[in-house]
Amino acid sequence: MDFGELLESFGDKTVIAVAGLLIGIAFGIFAQRSRFCLRSAVVAFWRREDGGRLAIWLFAFAAALCATQAAILADWLDVSQARQLSARGSLSGALIGGLLFGTGMILARGCSSRMLVLAANGNLRALLTGLVFAVTAQASLNGLLSPLRLWLSGLWTIDGGGRDLLASAHLGHLGGLLFGLAWLLAAVVFARRARLTVREWSGAIGVGLSVALAWLVTYRIGSQAFDAVLPVQSLSFTGPSADVLMLVLSPPGQPWDFDIGLVPGVVLGSFLAALWGKELKLEGFKDGQSMRRYIAGALYMGFGGMLAGGCAVGAGVSGAAIFALTAWLALIGMWAGAGLADALLDRPRHRP
């Protein structure tokens, strides 16, 4: 994959931002058509309900793992310098942040990426939730909540060399690929039982492939860049949402990069998919109580996602696809926090 001519003609920053935009459009289309959502999968799992929603998440998760590990095995991709593996990480931040983010998903009835997709379809609840989420993420990064985030992150840390689960377990990337294939098989089993439509399971696989493609494209562009040092990265929505917010509020705000292109791309892709499927619809809050619930969920997700180092996609899929220890801990925290919150807040209402 040669980006040399594009980089020479348009510059590093423009190319990486356009790459983020295009991959974001693909993710938005696939996520909208498949109804991809970690919150739905967690609720279905803990309530032992229809496995269709769980299968959709598993397809995306497994596709991201398999495609990313296959690219590494083929020497197309090197993620050793990715932030999730090379930088010092916080185990306490991953666990606590994951628990908070999972709780927020239940309160807001969707994760941050799902809110972005729904907002593009006309859901005003998701739009307000996304705005509060972005503000909270920015406050957690450099604002009022930053001291609390730093204190919690510093409780239990680990050197960058210890964050690679495959290296620590001596499994190698072939072991990572086989692990992903096992989850893919589980997704097929659940999908057959739930009789998923082609649109649903193919869209979910598209979500996972978008994650792997982002890893591959950012690595290839970064390795061929002339002037700037461009990080290898994949999809995430906590930090990027904060960056886009600052770009809108105080232009030029953030420099052009992959994240700046990603968020508008997801919005555009989801809008186009909903327009094609005739699913654009304005929706609002039913009452003040539901509004308070969504705002609280956004606060939990914004702080929790920044503390954990990623959201349900950033840590739960992108980070997990390269087997970063902190990403897996954050994902476990999200499943546990969401399950507990659902049991305490929502499940009693559904009991006869």
Protein backbone atom coordinates (compact mmCIF):
# COMPACT_ATOMS: atom_id res chain seq x y z
CA MET A 1 0.00 0.00 0.00
CA ASP A 2 1.93 3.02 -1.32
CA PHE A 3 0.96 6.48 -0.10
CA GLY A 4 4.16 8.16 -1.25
CA GLU A 5 2.70 10.18 -4.12
CA LEU A 6 -0.31 11.30 -2.08
CA LEU A 7 1.91 12.38 0.80
CA GLU A 8 4.15 14.33 -1.55
CA SER A 9 1.24 16.03 -3.32
CA PHE A 10 -1.04 16.86 -0.38
CA GLY A 11 1.08 16.62 2.75
CA ASP A 12 1.12 14.27 5.71
CA LYS A 13 -1.63 15.90 7.75
CA THR A 14 -4.11 16.13 4.89
CA VAL A 15 -3.64 12.51 3.83
CA ILE A 16 -4.01 11.11 7.34
CA ALA A 17 -7.11 13.25 7.99
CA VAL A 18 -8.74 12.12 4.73
CA ALA A 19 -7.89 8.52 5.63
CA GLY A 20 -9.68 9.02 8.94
CA LEU A 21 -12.66 10.52 7.13
CA LEU A 22 -12.99 7.64 4.66
CA ILE A 23 -12.56 4.90 7.26
CA GLY A 24 -15.01 6.76 9.50
CA ILE A 25 -17.58 6.79 6.68
CA ALA A 26 -17.17 3.04 6.25
CA PHE A 27 -17.51 2.45 10.00
CA GLY A 28 -20.60 4.67 10.17
CA ILE A 29 -22.31 2.79 7.35
CA PHE A 30 -21.51 -0.65 8.75
CA ALA A 31 -22.39 0.30 12.35
CA GLN A 32 -25.71 1.82 11.31
CA ARG A 33 -26.78 -1.09 9.15
CA SER A 34 -25.75 -3.78 11.64
CA ARG A 35 -26.98 -1.98 14.81
CA PHE A 36 -23.54 -2.60 16.32
CA CYS A 37 -23.57 -1.74 20.05
CA LEU A 38 -21.65 -3.13 23.02
CA ARG A 39 -24.42 -2.15 25.43
CA SER A 40 -26.99 -4.27 23.57
CA ALA A 41 -24.61 -7.25 23.53
CA VAL A 42 -23.90 -6.96 27.27
CA VAL A 43 -27.60 -6.70 28.18
CA ALA A 44 -28.47 -9.71 26.00
CA PHE A 45 -25.64 -11.73 27.58
CA TRP A 46 -26.44 -11.00 31.22
CA ARG A 47 -30.19 -11.45 30.72
CA ARG A 48 -29.68 -14.60 28.66
CA GLU A 49 -31.86 -13.20 25.92
CA ASP A 50 -31.78 -13.56 22.14
CA GLY A 51 -28.19 -14.06 21.01
CA GLY A 52 -28.53 -11.92 17.90
CA ARG A 53 -27.24 -8.73 19.50
CA LEU A 54 -24.39 -10.64 21.10
CA ALA A 55 -23.55 -12.26 17.76
CA ILE A 56 -23.31 -8.86 16.05
CA TRP A 57 -20.76 -7.64 18.59
CA LEU A 58 -18.85 -10.92 18.43
CA PHE A 59 -18.64 -10.74 14.63
CA ALA A 60 -17.15 -7.24 14.82
CA PHE A 61 -14.82 -8.19 17.67
CA ALA A 62 -13.59 -11.39 16.00
CA ALA A 63 -13.18 -9.77 12.58
CA ALA A 64 -11.03 -7.02 14.09
CA LEU A 65 -8.86 -9.56 15.95
CA CYS A 66 -8.44 -11.90 12.98
CA ALA A 67 -7.75 -9.23 10.37
CA THR A 68 -5.32 -7.30 12.58
CA GLN A 69 -3.35 -10.39 13.61
CA ALA A 70 -3.32 -11.70 10.03
CA ALA A 71 -1.88 -8.37 8.82
CA ILE A 72 0.86 -8.58 11.46
CA LEU A 73 1.68 -12.17 10.48
CA ALA A 74 1.92 -11.10 6.83
CA ASP A 75 4.41 -8.34 7.79
CA TRP A 76 2.02 -5.67 6.55
CA LEU A 77 1.60 -4.15 9.98
CA ASP A 78 3.74 -3.43 13.03
CA VAL A 79 1.93 -2.26 16.16
CA SER A 80 4.88 -2.44 18.55
CA GLN A 81 4.98 1.38 18.72
CA ALA A 82 1.25 1.79 19.26
CA ARG A 83 0.42 3.80 22.38
CA GLN A 84 -1.52 0.88 23.88
CA LEU A 85 1.62 -1.30 23.86
CA SER A 86 4.65 0.98 24.07
CA ALA A 87 3.66 3.68 26.57
CA ARG A 88 3.32 3.23 30.32
CA GLY A 89 -0.23 2.12 31.10
CA SER A 90 -2.59 2.30 34.04
CA LEU A 91 -4.19 -0.91 35.28
CA SER A 92 -6.24 0.97 37.87
CA GLY A 93 -7.42 3.41 35.21
CA ALA A 94 -8.40 0.57 32.89
CA LEU A 95 -10.42 -1.27 35.54
CA ILE A 96 -12.10 1.73 37.18
CA GLY A 97 -12.62 3.50 33.87
CA GLY A 98 -14.10 0.38 32.33
CA LEU A 99 -16.54 -0.01 35.22
CA LEU A 100 -17.62 3.63 34.93
CA PHE A 101 -17.95 3.46 31.16
CA GLY A 102 -20.03 0.29 31.38
CA THR A 103 -22.33 1.93 33.91
CA GLY A 104 -22.67 4.95 31.64
CA MET A 105 -23.61 2.74 28.69
CA ILE A 106 -26.61 1.41 30.59
CA LEU A 107 -27.70 4.85 31.77
CA ALA A 108 -27.42 6.36 28.27
CA ARG A 109 -28.75 3.21 26.56
CA GLY A 110 -25.77 3.01 24.23
CA CYS A 111 -22.00 3.45 24.06
CA SER A 112 -20.27 6.55 22.68
CA SER A 113 -19.93 5.22 19.12
CA ARG A 114 -23.60 4.21 19.11
CA MET A 115 -24.56 7.70 20.26
CA LEU A 116 -22.63 9.16 17.34
CA VAL A 117 -24.39 6.86 14.88
CA LEU A 118 -27.85 7.56 16.32
CA ALA A 119 -27.29 11.32 16.43
CA ALA A 120 -26.64 11.27 12.69
CA ASN A 121 -30.00 9.52 12.22
CA GLY A 122 -31.92 12.31 13.97
CA ASN A 123 -31.89 11.06 17.57
CA LEU A 124 -31.76 14.21 19.71
CA ARG A 125 -31.20 12.18 22.89
CA ALA A 126 -28.03 10.79 21.36
CA LEU A 127 -26.97 14.24 20.16
CA LEU A 128 -27.19 15.76 23.65
CA THR A 129 -25.53 12.70 25.18
CA GLY A 130 -22.69 12.92 22.67
CA LEU A 131 -22.10 16.60 23.39
CA VAL A 132 -22.00 16.04 27.16
CA PHE A 133 -19.72 13.05 26.58
CA ALA A 134 -17.28 15.15 24.53
CA VAL A 135 -17.26 17.99 27.08
CA THR A 136 -16.62 15.55 29.93
CA ALA A 137 -13.85 13.83 27.99
CA GLN A 138 -12.13 17.18 27.40
CA ALA A 139 -12.56 18.14 31.07
CA SER A 140 -11.01 14.79 32.03
CA LEU A 141 -8.08 15.27 29.68
CA ASN A 142 -7.02 18.85 30.41
CA GLY A 143 -9.76 20.43 32.50
CA LEU A 144 -11.44 20.31 35.88
CA LEU A 145 -11.55 16.50 36.09
CA SER A 146 -7.93 16.00 35.02
CA PRO A 147 -6.43 15.87 38.57
CA LEU A 148 -8.88 13.14 39.59
CA ARG A 149 -8.13 11.16 36.43
CA LEU A 150 -4.37 11.43 36.99
CA TRP A 151 -4.69 10.36 40.63
CA LEU A 152 -6.78 7.29 39.78
CA SER A 153 -4.48 6.41 36.88
CA GLY A 154 -1.43 6.55 39.12
CA LEU A 155 -2.72 4.05 41.68
CA TRP A 156 -1.50 1.01 39.69
CA THR A 157 0.64 1.35 36.59
CA ILE A 158 2.66 -0.93 34.33
CA ASP A 159 5.61 -0.38 32.00
CA GLY A 160 4.97 -0.40 28.28
CA GLY A 161 6.92 -3.62 27.83
CA GLY A 162 4.44 -5.54 29.98
CA ARG A 163 1.26 -4.54 28.15
CA ASP A 164 1.54 -7.05 25.27
CA LEU A 165 -0.52 -10.08 26.30
CA LEU A 166 0.67 -12.24 23.40
CA ALA A 167 4.32 -11.64 24.26
CA SER A 168 3.73 -12.20 27.98
CA ALA A 169 1.90 -15.48 27.34
CA HIS A 170 4.42 -16.56 24.66
CA LEU A 171 1.59 -17.22 22.21
CA GLY A 172 2.73 -15.11 19.27
CA HIS A 173 0.51 -13.58 16.63
CA LEU A 174 -0.50 -16.99 15.29
CA GLY A 175 -1.97 -17.69 18.71
CA GLY A 176 -3.77 -14.33 18.51
CA LEU A 177 -5.21 -15.25 15.12
CA LEU A 178 -6.43 -18.64 16.38
CA PHE A 179 -7.97 -16.94 19.41
CA GLY A 180 -9.86 -14.59 17.10
CA LEU A 181 -11.06 -17.48 14.96
CA ALA A 182 -12.49 -19.15 18.06
CA TRP A 183 -14.57 -16.04 18.77
CA LEU A 184 -15.62 -15.94 15.12
CA LEU A 185 -16.90 -19.50 15.43
CA ALA A 186 -18.86 -18.50 18.54
CA ALA A 187 -20.37 -15.61 16.59
CA VAL A 188 -21.49 -17.99 13.83
CA VAL A 189 -23.16 -20.28 16.37
CA PHE A 190 -25.09 -17.41 17.99
CA ALA A 191 -25.97 -15.95 14.59
CA ARG A 192 -27.44 -19.23 13.36
CA ARG A 193 -29.55 -19.58 16.48
CA ALA A 194 -30.80 -16.00 16.21
CA ARG A 195 -31.21 -16.19 12.42
CA LEU A 196 -29.35 -12.98 11.76
CA THR A 197 -29.94 -11.34 8.40
CA VAL A 198 -27.13 -10.90 5.89
CA ARG A 199 -27.24 -7.15 6.50
CA GLU A 200 -26.65 -7.60 10.21
CA TRP A 201 -23.77 -10.07 10.21
CA SER A 202 -22.01 -8.64 7.16
CA GLY A 203 -22.30 -5.13 8.59
CA ALA A 204 -20.83 -6.33 11.89
CA ILE A 205 -17.88 -7.89 10.07
CA GLY A 206 -17.47 -4.59 8.24
CA VAL A 207 -17.20 -2.81 11.59
CA GLY A 208 -14.38 -5.14 12.65
CA LEU A 209 -12.58 -4.82 9.32
CA SER A 210 -12.76 -1.01 9.64
CA VAL A 211 -10.83 -1.30 12.90
CA ALA A 212 -8.16 -3.49 11.29
CA LEU A 213 -7.99 -1.22 8.23
CA ALA A 214 -7.36 1.79 10.46
CA TRP A 215 -4.41 0.03 12.10
CA LEU A 216 -3.00 -0.89 8.68
CA VAL A 217 -3.53 2.47 6.97
CA THR A 218 -2.15 4.61 9.81
CA TYR A 219 0.92 2.38 10.01
CA ARG A 220 1.57 2.54 6.28
CA ILE A 221 1.08 6.31 6.12
CA GLY A 222 3.23 6.84 9.21
CA SER A 223 6.06 4.71 7.80
CA GLN A 224 6.06 6.71 4.55
CA ALA A 225 5.48 10.21 5.97
CA PHE A 226 8.06 12.87 5.11
CA ASP A 227 7.85 15.54 7.76
CA ALA A 228 5.63 14.56 10.68
CA VAL A 229 5.78 11.61 13.07
CA LEU A 230 2.35 10.02 12.68
CA PRO A 231 1.29 7.45 15.28
CA VAL A 232 -0.04 4.03 14.38
CA GLN A 233 -3.59 3.95 15.73
CA SER A 234 -7.10 2.68 15.14
CA LEU A 235 -10.66 3.70 15.90
CA SER A 236 -11.58 5.32 19.20
CA PHE A 237 -14.14 7.97 20.13
CA THR A 238 -13.24 9.41 23.53
CA GLY A 239 -10.17 11.47 22.68
CA PRO A 240 -11.33 12.19 19.09
CA SER A 241 -14.68 13.52 20.31
CA ALA A 242 -12.86 15.92 22.62
CA ASP A 243 -10.53 16.98 19.79
CA VAL A 244 -13.39 17.68 17.39
CA LEU A 245 -15.20 19.65 20.10
CA MET A 246 -12.14 21.88 20.58
CA LEU A 247 -11.80 22.29 16.81
CA VAL A 248 -15.40 23.53 16.63
CA LEU A 249 -15.22 25.78 19.70
CA SER A 250 -11.81 27.35 19.10
CA PRO A 251 -10.58 26.95 15.52
CA PRO A 252 -8.00 26.04 14.40
CA GLY A 253 -8.06 24.11 17.72
CA GLN A 254 -6.42 20.76 17.08
CA PRO A 255 -4.03 20.02 14.18
CA TRP A 256 -5.39 17.93 11.34
CA ASP A 257 -4.91 14.23 12.06
CA PHE A 258 -6.66 10.87 11.78
CA ASP A 259 -9.03 11.56 14.69
CA ILE A 260 -10.20 14.89 13.28
CA GLY A 261 -11.33 13.13 10.10
CA LEU A 262 -12.77 10.09 11.89
CA VAL A 263 -15.66 11.62 13.85
CA PRO A 264 -17.20 13.61 10.94
CA GLY A 265 -16.74 10.53 8.77
CA VAL A 266 -18.76 8.33 11.13
CA VAL A 267 -21.54 10.93 11.25
CA LEU A 268 -21.62 11.20 7.44
CA GLY A 269 -21.52 7.43 6.92
CA SER A 270 -24.32 6.80 9.40
CA PHE A 271 -26.43 9.57 7.87
CA LEU A 272 -26.01 8.16 4.36
CA ALA A 273 -26.87 4.63 5.54
CA ALA A 274 -29.99 5.85 7.34
CA LEU A 275 -31.00 7.93 4.32
CA TRP A 276 -30.59 4.91 2.05
CA GLY A 277 -32.58 2.72 4.43
CA LYS A 278 -35.24 5.41 4.98
CA GLU A 279 -34.53 5.41 8.72
CA LEU A 280 -33.97 9.11 9.34
CA LYS A 281 -36.27 10.16 12.18
CA LEU A 282 -36.29 12.95 14.75
CA GLU A 283 -36.55 11.56 18.28
CA GLY A 284 -36.42 13.41 21.61
CA PHE A 285 -36.71 12.83 25.34
CA LYS A 286 -39.93 11.51 26.83
CA ASP A 287 -39.55 13.38 30.14
CA GLY A 288 -37.12 15.11 32.45
CA GLN A 289 -36.21 11.91 34.27
CA SER A 290 -34.96 10.24 31.10
CA MET A 291 -32.94 13.36 30.24
CA ARG A 292 -31.20 13.26 33.62
CA ARG A 293 -30.43 9.60 33.09
CA TYR A 294 -28.84 10.18 29.68
CA ILE A 295 -26.77 13.12 30.94
CA ALA A 296 -25.50 11.05 33.87
CA GLY A 297 -24.59 8.25 31.46
CA ALA A 298 -22.65 10.69 29.28
CA LEU A 299 -20.71 11.94 32.31
CA TYR A 300 -19.79 8.41 33.35
CA MET A 301 -18.73 7.47 29.81
CA GLY A 302 -16.74 10.65 29.20
CA PHE A 303 -14.70 10.36 32.38
CA GLY A 304 -14.54 6.56 32.32
CA GLY A 305 -13.44 6.41 28.69
CA MET A 306 -10.65 8.91 29.20
CA LEU A 307 -9.55 7.14 32.40
CA ALA A 308 -9.59 3.73 30.72
CA GLY A 309 -7.68 4.97 27.69
CA GLY A 310 -10.50 4.22 25.26
CA CYS A 311 -14.20 3.64 24.76
CA ALA A 312 -16.14 0.51 23.85
CA VAL A 313 -14.50 0.63 20.41
CA GLY A 314 -11.16 2.22 21.28
CA ALA A 315 -10.33 -0.17 24.12
CA GLY A 316 -12.96 -2.87 23.63
CA VAL A 317 -12.16 -3.61 19.98
CA SER A 318 -9.16 -1.64 18.69
CA GLY A 319 -6.99 -2.18 21.76
CA ALA A 320 -8.18 -5.75 22.22
CA ALA A 321 -7.28 -6.53 18.59
CA ILE A 322 -3.59 -5.95 19.37
CA PHE A 323 -3.91 -7.72 22.75
CA ALA A 324 -3.05 -4.75 24.93
CA LEU A 325 -3.42 -5.74 28.59
CA THR A 326 -5.04 -2.47 29.66
CA ALA A 327 -7.55 -2.68 26.80
CA TRP A 328 -8.64 -6.15 27.87
CA LEU A 329 -8.96 -5.03 31.49
CA ALA A 330 -11.05 -2.05 30.37
CA LEU A 331 -13.25 -4.35 28.28
CA ILE A 332 -13.77 -6.69 31.24
CA GLY A 333 -14.63 -3.67 33.38
CA MET A 334 -17.18 -2.50 30.81
CA TRP A 335 -18.92 -5.88 30.74
CA ALA A 336 -18.93 -6.08 34.55
CA GLY A 337 -20.05 -2.47 35.11
CA ALA A 338 -22.79 -2.68 32.49
CA GLY A 339 -24.04 -6.00 33.83
CA LEU A 340 -24.19 -4.72 37.40
CA ALA A 341 -25.87 -1.46 36.40
CA ASP A 342 -28.44 -3.30 34.31
CA ALA A 343 -29.21 -5.66 37.19
CA LEU A 344 -29.71 -2.81 39.64
CA LEU A 345 -31.43 -0.23 37.42
CA ASP A 346 -33.22 -1.85 34.50
CA ARG A 347 -33.71 -5.56 35.02
CA PRO A 348 -36.15 -5.20 37.96
CA ARG A 349 -38.51 -3.25 35.69
CA HIS A 350 -38.71 -6.17 33.26
CA ARG A 351 -39.59 -8.75 35.89
CA PRO A 352 -43.25 -9.81 36.04
